[in-house]
N, C-alpha and C. Protein backbone atom coordinates (compact mmCIF):
# COMPACT_ATOMS: atom_id res chain seq x y z
N UNK A 1 -14.58 19.76 -8.72
CA UNK A 1 -13.84 18.69 -9.35
C UNK A 1 -14.84 17.75 -10.02
N UNK A 2 -14.58 17.37 -11.28
CA UNK A 2 -15.40 16.44 -12.02
C UNK A 2 -15.12 15.02 -11.54
N UNK A 3 -16.19 14.28 -11.28
CA UNK A 3 -16.03 12.89 -10.84
C UNK A 3 -15.85 11.99 -12.05
N UNK A 4 -14.91 11.07 -11.97
CA UNK A 4 -14.66 10.10 -13.02
C UNK A 4 -14.53 8.73 -12.39
N UNK A 5 -14.93 7.72 -13.14
CA UNK A 5 -14.71 6.34 -12.69
C UNK A 5 -13.28 5.96 -13.02
N UNK A 6 -12.62 5.30 -12.11
CA UNK A 6 -11.23 4.89 -12.30
C UNK A 6 -11.15 3.39 -12.02
N UNK A 7 -10.51 2.65 -12.91
CA UNK A 7 -10.31 1.22 -12.68
C UNK A 7 -9.32 1.03 -11.54
N UNK A 8 -9.70 0.17 -10.60
CA UNK A 8 -8.82 -0.14 -9.48
C UNK A 8 -8.60 -1.64 -9.45
N UNK A 9 -7.35 -2.05 -9.40
CA UNK A 9 -6.97 -3.45 -9.30
C UNK A 9 -6.72 -3.75 -7.83
N UNK A 10 -7.33 -4.82 -7.32
CA UNK A 10 -7.08 -5.27 -5.95
C UNK A 10 -6.51 -6.68 -6.03
N UNK A 11 -5.33 -6.86 -5.45
CA UNK A 11 -4.67 -8.16 -5.46
C UNK A 11 -4.60 -8.72 -4.05
N UNK A 12 -4.86 -10.01 -3.94
CA UNK A 12 -4.73 -10.68 -2.65
C UNK A 12 -3.35 -11.31 -2.57
N UNK A 13 -2.65 -11.01 -1.48
CA UNK A 13 -1.33 -11.57 -1.22
C UNK A 13 -1.38 -12.33 0.11
N UNK A 14 -0.35 -13.08 0.40
CA UNK A 14 -0.30 -13.86 1.64
C UNK A 14 -0.45 -12.99 2.88
N UNK A 15 0.04 -11.77 2.83
CA UNK A 15 0.03 -10.90 4.01
C UNK A 15 -1.02 -9.78 3.94
N UNK A 16 -1.97 -9.89 3.02
CA UNK A 16 -3.03 -8.88 2.92
C UNK A 16 -3.38 -8.56 1.49
N UNK A 17 -3.92 -7.37 1.28
CA UNK A 17 -4.38 -6.94 -0.04
C UNK A 17 -3.64 -5.67 -0.46
N UNK A 18 -3.41 -5.56 -1.76
CA UNK A 18 -2.80 -4.37 -2.35
C UNK A 18 -3.73 -3.89 -3.45
N UNK A 19 -3.94 -2.57 -3.52
CA UNK A 19 -4.83 -2.00 -4.54
C UNK A 19 -4.12 -0.85 -5.23
N UNK A 20 -4.34 -0.73 -6.53
CA UNK A 20 -3.76 0.38 -7.29
C UNK A 20 -4.67 0.72 -8.46
N UNK A 21 -4.69 2.00 -8.83
CA UNK A 21 -5.54 2.42 -9.95
C UNK A 21 -4.80 2.33 -11.28
N UNK A 22 -5.57 2.18 -12.33
CA UNK A 22 -5.03 2.27 -13.69
C UNK A 22 -5.37 3.64 -14.24
N UNK A 23 -4.48 4.17 -15.06
CA UNK A 23 -4.77 5.42 -15.74
C UNK A 23 -4.52 6.67 -14.93
N UNK A 24 -3.63 6.59 -13.94
CA UNK A 24 -3.25 7.78 -13.18
C UNK A 24 -1.74 7.92 -13.27
N UNK A 25 -1.28 9.10 -13.65
CA UNK A 25 0.15 9.36 -13.73
C UNK A 25 0.71 9.46 -12.32
N UNK A 26 1.81 8.78 -12.07
CA UNK A 26 2.42 8.77 -10.75
C UNK A 26 2.16 7.44 -10.07
N UNK A 27 2.64 7.33 -8.85
CA UNK A 27 2.50 6.09 -8.09
C UNK A 27 1.44 6.29 -7.01
N UNK A 28 0.38 5.47 -7.08
CA UNK A 28 -0.71 5.52 -6.10
C UNK A 28 -1.02 4.08 -5.71
N UNK A 29 -0.85 3.76 -4.43
CA UNK A 29 -1.06 2.39 -3.96
C UNK A 29 -1.78 2.42 -2.62
N UNK A 30 -2.64 1.44 -2.40
CA UNK A 30 -3.30 1.26 -1.11
C UNK A 30 -3.07 -0.15 -0.64
N UNK A 31 -3.17 -0.37 0.66
CA UNK A 31 -3.00 -1.71 1.20
C UNK A 31 -3.89 -1.89 2.41
N UNK A 32 -4.13 -3.15 2.77
CA UNK A 32 -4.95 -3.42 3.94
C UNK A 32 -5.04 -4.89 4.24
N UNK A 33 -5.56 -5.21 5.40
CA UNK A 33 -5.73 -6.60 5.80
C UNK A 33 -6.92 -7.25 5.10
N UNK A 34 -7.84 -6.43 4.58
CA UNK A 34 -9.00 -6.95 3.87
C UNK A 34 -9.15 -6.24 2.53
N UNK A 35 -9.98 -6.80 1.67
CA UNK A 35 -10.29 -6.18 0.38
C UNK A 35 -10.82 -4.77 0.60
N UNK A 36 -11.76 -4.63 1.53
CA UNK A 36 -12.39 -3.34 1.81
C UNK A 36 -11.38 -2.31 2.33
N UNK A 37 -10.47 -2.75 3.19
CA UNK A 37 -9.44 -1.84 3.73
C UNK A 37 -8.52 -1.34 2.62
N UNK A 38 -8.09 -2.24 1.74
CA UNK A 38 -7.20 -1.86 0.64
C UNK A 38 -7.91 -0.91 -0.32
N UNK A 39 -9.18 -1.19 -0.60
CA UNK A 39 -9.95 -0.34 -1.51
C UNK A 39 -10.14 1.05 -0.91
N UNK A 40 -10.48 1.12 0.37
CA UNK A 40 -10.65 2.42 1.02
C UNK A 40 -9.32 3.18 1.06
N UNK A 41 -8.23 2.48 1.29
CA UNK A 41 -6.91 3.12 1.36
C UNK A 41 -6.51 3.69 0.00
N UNK A 42 -6.72 2.94 -1.07
CA UNK A 42 -6.34 3.44 -2.39
C UNK A 42 -7.25 4.57 -2.84
N UNK A 43 -8.54 4.52 -2.48
CA UNK A 43 -9.44 5.63 -2.82
C UNK A 43 -9.00 6.91 -2.15
N UNK A 44 -8.58 6.81 -0.91
CA UNK A 44 -8.05 7.97 -0.18
C UNK A 44 -6.77 8.48 -0.84
N UNK A 45 -5.90 7.56 -1.23
CA UNK A 45 -4.65 7.93 -1.90
C UNK A 45 -4.90 8.61 -3.25
N UNK A 46 -5.89 8.10 -4.00
CA UNK A 46 -6.25 8.71 -5.29
C UNK A 46 -6.74 10.13 -5.07
N UNK A 47 -7.63 10.30 -4.11
CA UNK A 47 -8.17 11.63 -3.82
C UNK A 47 -7.04 12.61 -3.47
N UNK A 48 -6.13 12.19 -2.61
CA UNK A 48 -5.01 13.05 -2.22
C UNK A 48 -4.10 13.35 -3.40
N UNK A 49 -3.84 12.34 -4.22
CA UNK A 49 -2.96 12.51 -5.38
C UNK A 49 -3.54 13.55 -6.35
N UNK A 50 -4.85 13.46 -6.62
CA UNK A 50 -5.49 14.41 -7.53
C UNK A 50 -5.54 15.79 -6.90
N UNK A 51 -5.79 15.86 -5.59
CA UNK A 51 -5.82 17.14 -4.89
C UNK A 51 -4.46 17.84 -4.95
N UNK A 52 -3.40 17.09 -4.83
CA UNK A 52 -2.04 17.66 -4.84
C UNK A 52 -1.58 18.00 -6.25
N UNK A 53 -1.77 17.08 -7.20
CA UNK A 53 -1.19 17.24 -8.54
C UNK A 53 -2.18 17.71 -9.60
N UNK A 54 -3.47 17.72 -9.29
CA UNK A 54 -4.46 18.23 -10.23
C UNK A 54 -5.03 17.17 -11.15
N UNK A 55 -6.10 17.56 -11.86
CA UNK A 55 -6.82 16.66 -12.77
C UNK A 55 -5.96 16.14 -13.91
N UNK A 56 -4.87 16.82 -14.22
CA UNK A 56 -4.04 16.38 -15.34
C UNK A 56 -3.36 15.04 -15.09
N UNK A 57 -3.39 14.52 -13.85
CA UNK A 57 -2.83 13.18 -13.61
C UNK A 57 -3.74 12.09 -14.14
N UNK A 58 -4.99 12.41 -14.46
CA UNK A 58 -5.92 11.43 -15.00
C UNK A 58 -5.70 11.25 -16.49
N UNK A 59 -5.59 10.02 -16.92
CA UNK A 59 -5.40 9.71 -18.32
C UNK A 59 -6.75 9.29 -18.91
N UNK A 60 -7.25 10.03 -19.87
CA UNK A 60 -8.59 9.84 -20.46
C UNK A 60 -8.88 8.40 -20.87
N UNK A 61 -7.95 7.74 -21.56
CA UNK A 61 -8.25 6.44 -22.14
C UNK A 61 -8.46 5.33 -21.11
N UNK A 62 -8.10 5.55 -19.86
CA UNK A 62 -8.25 4.50 -18.85
C UNK A 62 -9.47 4.68 -17.96
N UNK A 63 -10.20 5.76 -18.08
CA UNK A 63 -11.35 5.96 -17.21
C UNK A 63 -12.46 5.00 -17.62
N UNK A 64 -13.06 4.33 -16.64
CA UNK A 64 -14.06 3.31 -16.92
C UNK A 64 -14.86 3.02 -15.67
N UNK A 65 -16.13 2.65 -15.79
CA UNK A 65 -16.93 2.32 -14.61
C UNK A 65 -16.71 0.90 -14.12
N UNK A 66 -15.86 0.12 -14.77
CA UNK A 66 -15.64 -1.28 -14.41
C UNK A 66 -14.53 -1.41 -13.37
N UNK A 67 -14.55 -2.50 -12.66
CA UNK A 67 -13.46 -2.81 -11.73
C UNK A 67 -13.10 -4.28 -11.86
N UNK A 68 -11.96 -4.65 -11.36
CA UNK A 68 -11.46 -6.01 -11.46
C UNK A 68 -10.83 -6.38 -10.14
N UNK A 69 -11.09 -7.56 -9.67
CA UNK A 69 -10.47 -8.06 -8.45
C UNK A 69 -9.65 -9.29 -8.81
N UNK A 70 -8.34 -9.16 -8.74
CA UNK A 70 -7.47 -10.30 -9.02
C UNK A 70 -7.04 -10.94 -7.72
N UNK A 71 -6.77 -12.17 -7.75
CA UNK A 71 -6.33 -12.86 -6.54
C UNK A 71 -5.57 -14.10 -6.87
N UNK A 72 -5.02 -14.69 -5.84
CA UNK A 72 -4.27 -15.92 -6.07
C UNK A 72 -5.04 -17.11 -5.57
């Protein structure tokens, strides 16, 4: 499997963190009590999603080495 950088958005909410990738077809979400937990959860979800549905779920125009952390 070819490795690609995927943008992941991590949002801070009152009850924890939610993370989701950009540029992947389908619904992939991670959550956790900390930023690190949410990031690890979404990375695991991305890996499983690609393993199940194949590389075609990756959308070329969204692959990027950058990341963004949004919060309130």
